[in-house]
C-alpha atoms as a PDB file:
ATOM      1  CA  MET A   1     -31.096   8.101   0.392  1.00  0.00           C
ATOM      2  CA  THR A   2     -28.500   8.313  -2.462  1.00  0.00           C
ATOM      3  CA  PRO A   3     -27.635   5.020  -4.074  1.00  0.00           C
ATOM      4  CA  LEU A   4     -24.416   3.156  -3.540  1.00  0.00           C
ATOM      5  CA  LEU A   5     -23.650   3.168  -7.000  1.00  0.00           C
ATOM      6  CA  GLU A   6     -24.553   5.783  -9.397  1.00  0.00           C
ATOM      7  CA  VAL A   7     -24.011   5.228 -13.311  1.00  0.00           C
ATOM      8  CA  ARG A   8     -25.144   8.454 -15.544  1.00  0.00           C
ATOM      9  CA  GLY A   9     -24.578   8.690 -19.786  1.00  0.00           C
ATOM     10  CA  LEU A  10     -22.846   5.542 -19.792  1.00  0.00           C
ATOM     11  CA  THR A  11     -21.325   5.968 -23.552  1.00  0.00           C
ATOM     12  CA  LYS A  12     -18.632   3.561 -25.356  1.00  0.00           C
ATOM     13  CA  ARG A  13     -18.406   3.618 -29.045  1.00  0.00           C
ATOM     14  CA  TYR A  14     -15.733   1.319 -31.140  1.00  0.00           C
ATOM     15  CA  LEU A  15     -14.781   2.069 -34.066  1.00  0.00           C
ATOM     16  CA  GLY A  16     -17.973   3.990 -34.538  1.00  0.00           C
ATOM     17  CA  LEU A  17     -20.466   1.251 -32.762  1.00  0.00           C
ATOM     18  CA  THR A  18     -21.381   2.500 -30.027  1.00  0.00           C
ATOM     19  CA  ALA A  19     -21.638  -0.352 -27.894  1.00  0.00           C
ATOM     20  CA  VAL A  20     -23.370   1.210 -24.907  1.00  0.00           C
ATOM     21  CA  ASP A  21     -25.291   4.295 -25.625  1.00  0.00           C
ATOM     22  CA  ARG A  22     -26.545   6.537 -22.482  1.00  0.00           C
ATOM     23  CA  VAL A  23     -26.859   4.137 -19.640  1.00  0.00           C
ATOM     24  CA  ASP A  24     -28.254   5.248 -16.778  1.00  0.00           C
ATOM     25  CA  PHE A  25     -29.008   3.413 -13.870  1.00  0.00           C
ATOM     26  CA  ASP A  26     -28.320   3.508  -9.815  1.00  0.00           C
ATOM     27  CA  VAL A  27     -27.337   0.072  -7.298  1.00  0.00           C
ATOM     28  CA  GLU A  28     -28.732   0.418  -3.413  1.00  0.00           C
ATOM     29  CA  ALA A  29     -26.230  -0.389  -0.606  1.00  0.00           C
ATOM     30  CA  GLY A  30     -26.938  -4.071  -0.160  1.00  0.00           C
ATOM     31  CA  ALA A  31     -28.746  -5.025  -3.846  1.00  0.00           C
ATOM     32  CA  VAL A  32     -27.754  -7.924  -5.304  1.00  0.00           C
ATOM     33  CA  VAL A  33     -28.819  -6.278  -9.184  1.00  0.00           C
ATOM     34  CA  GLY A  34     -28.729  -8.604 -12.236  1.00  0.00           C
ATOM     35  CA  LEU A  35     -27.729  -7.347 -15.530  1.00  0.00           C
ATOM     36  CA  ILE A  36     -28.775  -9.384 -18.927  1.00  0.00           C
ATOM     37  CA  GLY A  37     -29.230  -9.021 -22.547  1.00  0.00           C
ATOM     38  CA  PRO A  38     -28.344 -10.487 -25.771  1.00  0.00           C
ATOM     39  CA  ASN A  39     -24.313 -11.529 -27.358  1.00  0.00           C
ATOM     40  CA  GLY A  40     -23.258  -7.621 -28.125  1.00  0.00           C
ATOM     41  CA  SER A  41     -25.616  -5.996 -25.632  1.00  0.00           C
ATOM     42  CA  GLY A  42     -23.414  -3.805 -24.236  1.00  0.00           C
ATOM     43  CA  LYS A  43     -23.216  -5.449 -20.841  1.00  0.00           C
ATOM     44  CA  SER A  44     -18.971  -6.897 -20.198  1.00  0.00           C
ATOM     45  CA  THR A  45     -18.536  -3.175 -21.954  1.00  0.00           C
ATOM     46  CA  ILE A  46     -20.516  -1.430 -18.508  1.00  0.00           C
ATOM     47  CA  VAL A  47     -18.237  -3.761 -15.892  1.00  0.00           C
ATOM     48  CA  ASP A  48     -15.100  -3.187 -18.386  1.00  0.00           C
ATOM     49  CA  CYS A  49     -15.691   0.582 -18.484  1.00  0.00           C
ATOM     50  CA  LEU A  50     -16.659   1.050 -14.635  1.00  0.00           C
ATOM     51  CA  SER A  51     -13.737  -1.709 -13.083  1.00  0.00           C
ATOM     52  CA  GLY A  52     -11.365   1.142 -15.430  1.00  0.00           C
ATOM     53  CA  PHE A  53     -10.509  -1.763 -17.749  1.00  0.00           C
ATOM     54  CA  GLU A  54     -12.052   0.527 -20.420  1.00  0.00           C
ATOM     55  CA  PRO A  55     -12.037   3.985 -20.911  1.00  0.00           C
ATOM     56  CA  ALA A  56     -15.776   5.410 -21.263  1.00  0.00           C
ATOM     57  CA  ASP A  57     -16.472   7.646 -24.364  1.00  0.00           C
ATOM     58  CA  GLY A  58     -19.052   9.426 -21.653  1.00  0.00           C
ATOM     59  CA  GLY A  59     -21.038   9.731 -19.049  1.00  0.00           C
ATOM     60  CA  HIS A  60     -19.757   9.736 -15.510  1.00  0.00           C
ATOM     61  CA  TRP A  61     -20.424   7.045 -11.894  1.00  0.00           C
ATOM     62  CA  ARG A  62     -19.971   7.303  -8.212  1.00  0.00           C
ATOM     63  CA  LEU A  63     -19.976   4.313  -6.005  1.00  0.00           C
ATOM     64  CA  ASP A  64     -20.674   6.206  -2.695  1.00  0.00           C
ATOM     65  CA  GLY A  65     -20.959   9.856  -3.802  1.00  0.00           C
ATOM     66  CA  ARG A  66     -16.902   9.625  -4.737  1.00  0.00           C
ATOM     67  CA  ALA A  67     -16.361  10.085  -8.766  1.00  0.00           C
ATOM     68  CA  LEU A  68     -15.168   6.797 -10.173  1.00  0.00           C
ATOM     69  CA  THR A  69     -14.555   8.379 -14.099  1.00  0.00           C
ATOM     70  CA  ASP A  70     -11.233   8.045 -15.405  1.00  0.00           C
ATOM     71  CA  LEU A  71      -9.662   6.180 -12.696  1.00  0.00           C
ATOM     72  CA  PRO A  72      -7.101   3.578 -13.486  1.00  0.00           C
ATOM     73  CA  ALA A  73      -8.507   0.366 -12.268  1.00  0.00           C
ATOM     74  CA  HIS A  74      -6.115  -0.292  -8.915  1.00  0.00           C
ATOM     75  CA  ARG A  75      -7.504   3.207  -7.920  1.00  0.00           C
ATOM     76  CA  ILE A  76     -10.871   2.089  -8.496  1.00  0.00           C
ATOM     77  CA  ALA A  77     -10.373  -0.934  -6.569  1.00  0.00           C
ATOM     78  CA  ARG A  78      -9.190   0.538  -3.499  1.00  0.00           C
ATOM     79  CA  ALA A  79     -12.046   2.674  -3.847  1.00  0.00           C
ATOM     80  CA  GLY A  80     -14.072  -0.420  -2.996  1.00  0.00           C
ATOM     81  CA  LEU A  81     -15.545  -1.248  -6.017  1.00  0.00           C
ATOM     82  CA  THR A  82     -13.830  -4.994  -8.020  1.00  0.00           C
ATOM     83  CA  ARG A  83     -15.171  -7.153 -10.912  1.00  0.00           C
ATOM     84  CA  THR A  84     -14.008 -10.890 -11.857  1.00  0.00           C
ATOM     85  CA  PHE A  85     -13.840 -11.312 -15.462  1.00  0.00           C
ATOM     86  CA  GLN A  86     -15.155 -14.213 -18.123  1.00  0.00           C
ATOM     87  CA  THR A  87     -12.417 -15.753 -18.685  1.00  0.00           C
ATOM     88  CA  VAL A  88     -11.099 -17.200 -15.397  1.00  0.00           C
ATOM     89  CA  ARG A  89      -7.618 -15.706 -14.163  1.00  0.00           C
ATOM     90  CA  ALA A  90      -5.301 -18.206 -11.521  1.00  0.00           C
ATOM     91  CA  TYR A  91      -1.225 -18.337 -11.559  1.00  0.00           C
ATOM     92  CA  ASP A  92      -1.120 -22.517 -11.495  1.00  0.00           C
ATOM     93  CA  GLU A  93       2.278 -23.108  -9.868  1.00  0.00           C
ATOM     94  CA  LEU A  94       1.127 -21.038  -6.585  1.00  0.00           C
ATOM     95  CA  THR A  95      -1.113 -22.081  -4.327  1.00  0.00           C
ATOM     96  CA  LEU A  96      -5.160 -21.079  -3.301  1.00  0.00           C
ATOM     97  CA  LEU A  97      -3.651 -19.220  -0.851  1.00  0.00           C
ATOM     98  CA  ASP A  98      -0.435 -17.511  -2.657  1.00  0.00           C
ATOM     99  CA  ASN A  99      -3.178 -16.601  -5.684  1.00  0.00           C
ATOM    100  CA  LEU A 100      -5.025 -14.933  -2.844  1.00  0.00           C
ATOM    101  CA  CYS A 101      -2.518 -12.962  -1.446  1.00  0.00           C
ATOM    102  CA  VAL A 102      -1.267 -11.715  -4.641  1.00  0.00           C
ATOM    103  CA  ALA A 103      -4.468 -10.473  -5.294  1.00  0.00           C
ATOM    104  CA  ALA A 104      -3.868  -8.689  -2.036  1.00  0.00           C
ATOM    105  CA  GLN A 105      -0.794  -7.393  -2.953  1.00  0.00           C
ATOM    106  CA  GLU A 106      -2.951  -4.788  -5.574  1.00  0.00           C
ATOM    107  CA  GLU A 107      -4.200  -2.722  -3.247  1.00  0.00           C
ATOM    108  CA  ASP A 108      -1.853  -3.723   0.676  1.00  0.00           C
ATOM    109  CA  GLY A 109       0.070   0.246  -0.096  1.00  0.00           C
ATOM    110  CA  VAL A 110       3.175  -1.485   0.443  1.00  0.00           C
ATOM    111  CA  GLY A 111       6.465  -0.346  -1.488  1.00  0.00           C
ATOM    112  CA  TRP A 112       8.996  -2.232  -3.387  1.00  0.00           C
ATOM    113  CA  LEU A 113      11.389  -0.620  -0.953  1.00  0.00           C
ATOM    114  CA  ALA A 114       9.831  -2.108   2.475  1.00  0.00           C
ATOM    115  CA  ALA A 115       9.209  -5.257   0.282  1.00  0.00           C
ATOM    116  CA  MET A 116      12.968  -5.135   0.187  1.00  0.00           C
ATOM    117  CA  LEU A 117      13.889  -4.753   3.571  1.00  0.00           C
ATOM    118  CA  ARG A 118      11.375  -6.722   5.000  1.00  0.00           C
ATOM    119  CA  THR A 119       9.779  -4.263   7.029  1.00  0.00           C
ATOM    120  CA  GLY A 120       7.254  -5.084  10.287  1.00  0.00           C
ATOM    121  CA  ARG A 121       4.172  -3.566   7.935  1.00  0.00           C
ATOM    122  CA  LEU A 122       5.189  -5.141   5.644  1.00  0.00           C
ATOM    123  CA  ARG A 123       5.302  -8.842   7.685  1.00  0.00           C
ATOM    124  CA  SER A 124       1.949  -6.939   9.637  1.00  0.00           C
ATOM    125  CA  VAL A 125       0.052  -6.840   6.320  1.00  0.00           C
ATOM    126  CA  GLU A 126       1.377 -10.289   4.843  1.00  0.00           C
ATOM    127  CA  ALA A 127      -0.093 -12.023   7.955  1.00  0.00           C
ATOM    128  CA  ALA A 128      -3.357  -9.636   7.937  1.00  0.00           C
ATOM    129  CA  ALA A 129      -3.658 -11.246   3.920  1.00  0.00           C
ATOM    130  CA  THR A 130      -3.383 -14.193   4.669  1.00  0.00           C
ATOM    131  CA  ALA A 131      -5.777 -14.415   7.118  1.00  0.00           C
ATOM    132  CA  ARG A 132      -8.281 -12.660   4.704  1.00  0.00           C
ATOM    133  CA  ALA A 133      -7.134 -15.071   2.097  1.00  0.00           C
ATOM    134  CA  ARG A 134      -8.393 -18.452   4.499  1.00  0.00           C
ATOM    135  CA  GLU A 135     -11.248 -16.790   5.203  1.00  0.00           C
ATOM    136  CA  LEU A 136     -11.948 -16.492   2.102  1.00  0.00           C
ATOM    137  CA  LEU A 137     -11.388 -19.920   1.031  1.00  0.00           C
ATOM    138  CA  ASP A 138     -13.953 -20.796   3.680  1.00  0.00           C
ATOM    139  CA  THR A 139     -16.122 -18.850   2.536  1.00  0.00           C
ATOM    140  CA  VAL A 140     -16.409 -20.568  -0.953  1.00  0.00           C
ATOM    141  CA  ASP A 141     -15.300 -23.709   0.427  1.00  0.00           C
ATOM    142  CA  LEU A 142     -12.261 -24.349  -0.964  1.00  0.00           C
ATOM    143  CA  ALA A 143     -10.127 -24.722   1.748  1.00  0.00           C
ATOM    144  CA  GLU A 144      -9.014 -27.803   1.834  1.00  0.00           C
ATOM    145  CA  TYR A 145      -6.468 -27.420  -1.713  1.00  0.00           C
ATOM    146  CA  ALA A 146      -5.331 -24.279   0.684  1.00  0.00           C
ATOM    147  CA  GLN A 147      -2.169 -25.804   0.216  1.00  0.00           C
ATOM    148  CA  ALA A 148      -2.646 -27.402  -3.138  1.00  0.00           C
ATOM    149  CA  PRO A 149      -1.817 -25.518  -6.551  1.00  0.00           C
ATOM    150  CA  ALA A 150      -4.830 -23.665  -8.298  1.00  0.00           C
ATOM    151  CA  ALA A 151      -3.754 -26.603 -11.483  1.00  0.00           C
ATOM    152  CA  VAL A 152      -5.880 -28.448  -9.719  1.00  0.00           C
ATOM    153  CA  LEU A 153      -8.939 -26.907  -9.739  1.00  0.00           C
ATOM    154  CA  SER A 154     -11.976 -27.586 -11.665  1.00  0.00           C
ATOM    155  CA  TYR A 155     -13.642 -25.037 -14.360  1.00  0.00           C
ATOM    156  CA  GLY A 156     -15.998 -24.096 -11.316  1.00  0.00           C
ATOM    157  CA  GLN A 157     -13.663 -23.969  -8.432  1.00  0.00           C
ATOM    158  CA  ARG A 158     -11.653 -21.709 -10.567  1.00  0.00           C
ATOM    159  CA  LYS A 159     -14.496 -19.261 -10.767  1.00  0.00           C
ATOM    160  CA  LEU A 160     -15.205 -19.416  -6.694  1.00  0.00           C
ATOM    161  CA  LEU A 161     -11.030 -18.555  -6.752  1.00  0.00           C
ATOM    162  CA  ALA A 162     -11.592 -15.511  -8.812  1.00  0.00           C
ATOM    163  CA  ILE A 163     -14.560 -14.592  -6.554  1.00  0.00           C
ATOM    164  CA  ALA A 164     -12.852 -15.260  -3.681  1.00  0.00           C
ATOM    165  CA  ALA A 165      -9.574 -12.685  -5.178  1.00  0.00           C
ATOM    166  CA  ALA A 166     -12.340  -9.744  -5.751  1.00  0.00           C
ATOM    167  CA  MET A 167     -13.243  -9.981  -2.495  1.00  0.00           C
ATOM    168  CA  MET A 168      -9.519  -9.625  -0.707  1.00  0.00           C
ATOM    169  CA  ALA A 169      -9.843  -6.040  -1.175  1.00  0.00           C
ATOM    170  CA  ARG A 170     -13.267  -5.911   1.167  1.00  0.00           C
ATOM    171  CA  PRO A 171     -15.143  -3.761  -1.906  1.00  0.00           C
ATOM    172  CA  ARG A 172     -17.834  -2.465  -1.127  1.00  0.00           C
ATOM    173  CA  LEU A 173     -19.327  -3.156  -4.694  1.00  0.00           C
ATOM    174  CA  ILE A 174     -18.164  -6.393  -6.690  1.00  0.00           C
ATOM    175  CA  LEU A 175     -19.447  -6.820 -10.458  1.00  0.00           C
ATOM    176  CA  LEU A 176     -19.276 -10.236 -11.691  1.00  0.00           C
ATOM    177  CA  ASP A 177     -18.737 -10.864 -14.719  1.00  0.00           C
ATOM    178  CA  GLU A 178     -20.253 -14.268 -16.201  1.00  0.00           C
ATOM    179  CA  PRO A 179     -19.572 -16.451 -12.563  1.00  0.00           C
ATOM    180  CA  VAL A 180     -21.672 -19.595 -14.014  1.00  0.00           C
ATOM    181  CA  ALA A 181     -21.069 -19.523 -17.554  1.00  0.00           C
ATOM    182  CA  GLY A 182     -19.904 -22.966 -18.750  1.00  0.00           C
ATOM    183  CA  VAL A 183     -19.936 -25.136 -14.960  1.00  0.00           C
ATOM    184  CA  ASN A 184     -22.544 -27.533 -14.407  1.00  0.00           C
ATOM    185  CA  PRO A 185     -25.636 -27.647 -12.276  1.00  0.00           C
ATOM    186  CA  THR A 186     -23.900 -28.483  -8.704  1.00  0.00           C
ATOM    187  CA  MET A 187     -21.340 -25.538  -8.485  1.00  0.00           C
ATOM    188  CA  VAL A 188     -24.246 -22.925 -10.152  1.00  0.00           C
ATOM    189  CA  ARG A 189     -25.831 -23.797  -7.517  1.00  0.00           C
ATOM    190  CA  ARG A 190     -22.363 -23.954  -5.044  1.00  0.00           C
ATOM    191  CA  ILE A 191     -21.670 -20.091  -6.689  1.00  0.00           C
ATOM    192  CA  GLU A 192     -25.505 -18.976  -5.637  1.00  0.00           C
ATOM    193  CA  ARG A 193     -24.893 -19.410  -2.376  1.00  0.00           C
ATOM    194  CA  VAL A 194     -21.316 -18.002  -2.128  1.00  0.00           C
ATOM    195  CA  ILE A 195     -23.651 -14.650  -3.676  1.00  0.00           C
ATOM    196  CA  GLN A 196     -25.901 -14.825  -0.791  1.00  0.00           C
ATOM    197  CA  GLN A 197     -23.400 -15.346   1.598  1.00  0.00           C
ATOM    198  CA  LEU A 198     -21.434 -12.772   0.362  1.00  0.00           C
ATOM    199  CA  ASN A 199     -24.755 -10.349   0.320  1.00  0.00           C
ATOM    200  CA  ALA A 200     -25.663 -11.478   3.669  1.00  0.00           C
ATOM    201  CA  GLU A 201     -21.896 -10.231   5.406  1.00  0.00           C
ATOM    202  CA  GLY A 202     -23.034  -6.950   3.276  1.00  0.00           C
ATOM    203  CA  THR A 203     -21.100  -7.135   0.211  1.00  0.00           C
ATOM    204  CA  THR A 204     -23.444  -5.594  -3.150  1.00  0.00           C
ATOM    205  CA  LEU A 205     -23.213  -7.570  -6.191  1.00  0.00           C
ATOM    206  CA  VAL A 206     -24.290  -6.585  -9.473  1.00  0.00           C
ATOM    207  CA  ILE A 207     -24.238  -9.617 -12.059  1.00  0.00           C
ATOM    208  CA  VAL A 208     -23.864 -10.225 -15.957  1.00  0.00           C
ATOM    209  CA  GLU A 209     -24.841 -13.246 -16.812  1.00  0.00           C
ATOM    210  CA  HIS A 210     -26.527 -15.184 -19.472  1.00  0.00           C
ATOM    211  CA  ASN A 211     -28.275 -18.089 -17.107  1.00  0.00           C
ATOM    212  CA  VAL A 212     -30.998 -15.820 -17.277  1.00  0.00           C
ATOM    213  CA  ASP A 213     -32.547 -18.751 -14.031  1.00  0.00           C
ATOM    214  CA  PHE A 214     -29.208 -18.101 -12.361  1.00  0.00           C
ATOM    215  CA  ILE A 215     -30.650 -14.368 -12.562  1.00  0.00           C
ATOM    216  CA  MET A 216     -34.036 -14.356 -11.751  1.00  0.00           C
ATOM    217  CA  SER A 217     -33.652 -16.530  -9.060  1.00  0.00           C
ATOM    218  CA  LEU A 218     -31.163 -14.734  -7.663  1.00  0.00           C
ATOM    219  CA  CYS A 219     -31.999 -11.255  -7.906  1.00  0.00           C
ATOM    220  CA  ARG A 220     -34.789  -9.321  -6.594  1.00  0.00           C
ATOM    221  CA  ARG A 221     -33.710  -6.510  -9.727  1.00  0.00           C
ATOM    222  CA  VAL A 222     -32.905  -6.780 -13.309  1.00  0.00           C
ATOM    223  CA  ILE A 223     -31.594  -4.372 -15.669  1.00  0.00           C
ATOM    224  CA  VAL A 224     -31.662  -5.403 -19.286  1.00  0.00           C
ATOM    225  CA  LEU A 225     -29.420  -4.607 -22.319  1.00  0.00           C
ATOM    226  CA  GLU A 226     -30.569  -4.712 -25.731  1.00  0.00           C
ATOM    227  CA  GLU A 227     -28.291  -2.918 -28.173  1.00  0.00           C
ATOM    228  CA  GLY A 228     -26.508  -0.792 -25.884  1.00  0.00           C
ATOM    229  CA  GLN A 229     -29.160   0.500 -24.126  1.00  0.00           C
ATOM    230  CA  LYS A 230     -31.451  -0.416 -21.191  1.00  0.00           C
ATOM    231  CA  ILE A 231     -35.061  -1.384 -22.411  1.00  0.00           C
ATOM    232  CA  ALA A 232     -36.176  -2.624 -18.760  1.00  0.00           C
ATOM    233  CA  ASP A 233     -35.276  -2.482 -14.871  1.00  0.00           C
ATOM    234  CA  GLY A 234     -37.464  -4.172 -12.626  1.00  0.00           C
ATOM    235  CA  PRO A 235     -38.281  -7.277 -10.092  1.00  0.00           C
ATOM    236  CA  PRO A 236     -37.930 -10.168 -12.033  1.00  0.00           C
ATOM    237  CA  GLY A 237     -41.790 -11.259 -12.466  1.00  0.00           C
ATOM    238  CA  LEU A 238     -42.503  -7.517 -14.464  1.00  0.00           C
ATOM    239  CA  ILE A 239     -39.205  -7.937 -16.477  1.00  0.00           C
ATOM    240  CA  ARG A 240     -40.404 -12.019 -17.184  1.00  0.00           C
ATOM    241  CA  SER A 241     -43.780 -10.402 -18.946  1.00  0.00           C
ATOM    242  CA  ASP A 242     -42.029  -7.126 -20.249  1.00  0.00           C
ATOM    243  CA  PRO A 243     -43.356  -7.735 -24.177  1.00  0.00           C
ATOM    244  CA  ARG A 244     -39.779  -5.305 -24.726  1.00  0.00           C
ATOM    245  CA  VAL A 245     -37.578  -8.248 -23.137  1.00  0.00           C
ATOM    246  CA  LEU A 246     -39.522 -10.745 -24.597  1.00  0.00           C
ATOM    247  CA  ALA A 247     -39.211  -9.486 -28.107  1.00  0.00           C
ATOM    248  CA  ALA A 248     -35.891  -7.588 -27.777  1.00  0.00           C
ATOM    249  CA  TYR A 249     -34.055 -10.046 -25.688  1.00  0.00           C
ATOM    250  CA  LEU A 250     -35.059 -13.632 -26.508  1.00  0.00           C
ATOM    251  CA  GLY A 251     -37.180 -13.609 -29.392  1.00  0.00           C
ATOM    252  CA  GLN A 252     -40.186 -15.354 -30.328  1.00  0.00           C
ATOM    253  CA  ARG A 253     -38.775 -18.785 -29.493  1.00  0.00           C
ATOM    254  CA  GLY A 254     -36.213 -17.568 -26.211  1.00  0.00           C
ATOM    255  CA  ALA A 255     -39.928 -15.677 -25.024  1.00  0.00           C
ATOM    256  CA  ALA A 256     -41.732 -18.386 -24.262  1.00  0.00           C
ATOM    257  CA  GLU A 257     -38.681 -20.024 -22.343  1.00  0.00           C
ATOM    258  CA  LEU A 258     -37.848 -16.519 -20.167  1.00  0.00           C
ATOM    259  CA  GLY A 259     -42.214 -16.834 -18.896  1.00  0.00           C
ATOM    260  CA  GLN A 260     -41.305 -20.195 -18.177  1.00  0.00           C
ATOM    261  CA  GLY A 261     -39.043 -19.696 -16.521  1.00  0.00           C
ATOM    262  CA  ARG A 262     -36.402 -22.065 -18.046  1.00  0.00           C
ATOM    263  CA  ALA A 263     -34.107 -20.126 -19.724  1.00  0.00           C
END
């Protein structure tokens, strides 16, 4: 069976420093895959390259058989691959509904002339976007704030809004970059439930995260990077005991924590 996402030889360099070094991996449809590694291991760089926010220096990747290599970010998103960012982005003065509708505008294909003339097609697209936004706000448990400005949200709620925005285009696969970084344990569990629901509804996810315990409990498969190279790939139980991970990812002190599930 052809994987949903195929990545081959992905390479990225910065001024002679190789941040990602010929990385290969596949992601099956319906999977939730974790991507972990120490700071500087290349995790977020991979997300930036795959989503079109950074040009790769080598390699190629496909989504459901369609080549995405070297496409700009908006075309990659329209092809079915979207992402979130480590730094949460929102229009504070706009309502949550409007924030999500703005996200939809990037993918709706409506030109400036139709927008100026307020054509029937534009009105139809706007109605569909509003309905989708309300559905997603309910999914991420933010429906009660639909008409409130984004400025009222906590940091963790902003993370949920970002996930909803990335889902507006109904992607086949979403890349989550540090979805629980900086949020409290209660919100971590809430975000975990949202991810599980999205996956149950058919969305495939790749999650970059420093919270190893979160990844190990949520993902059935974990990929580990170190110094830009893939050093391990498998189920959480094997990753916890892999000597390369214990030695290279967390070091001796952290290795004990990883092995005991307390990281």
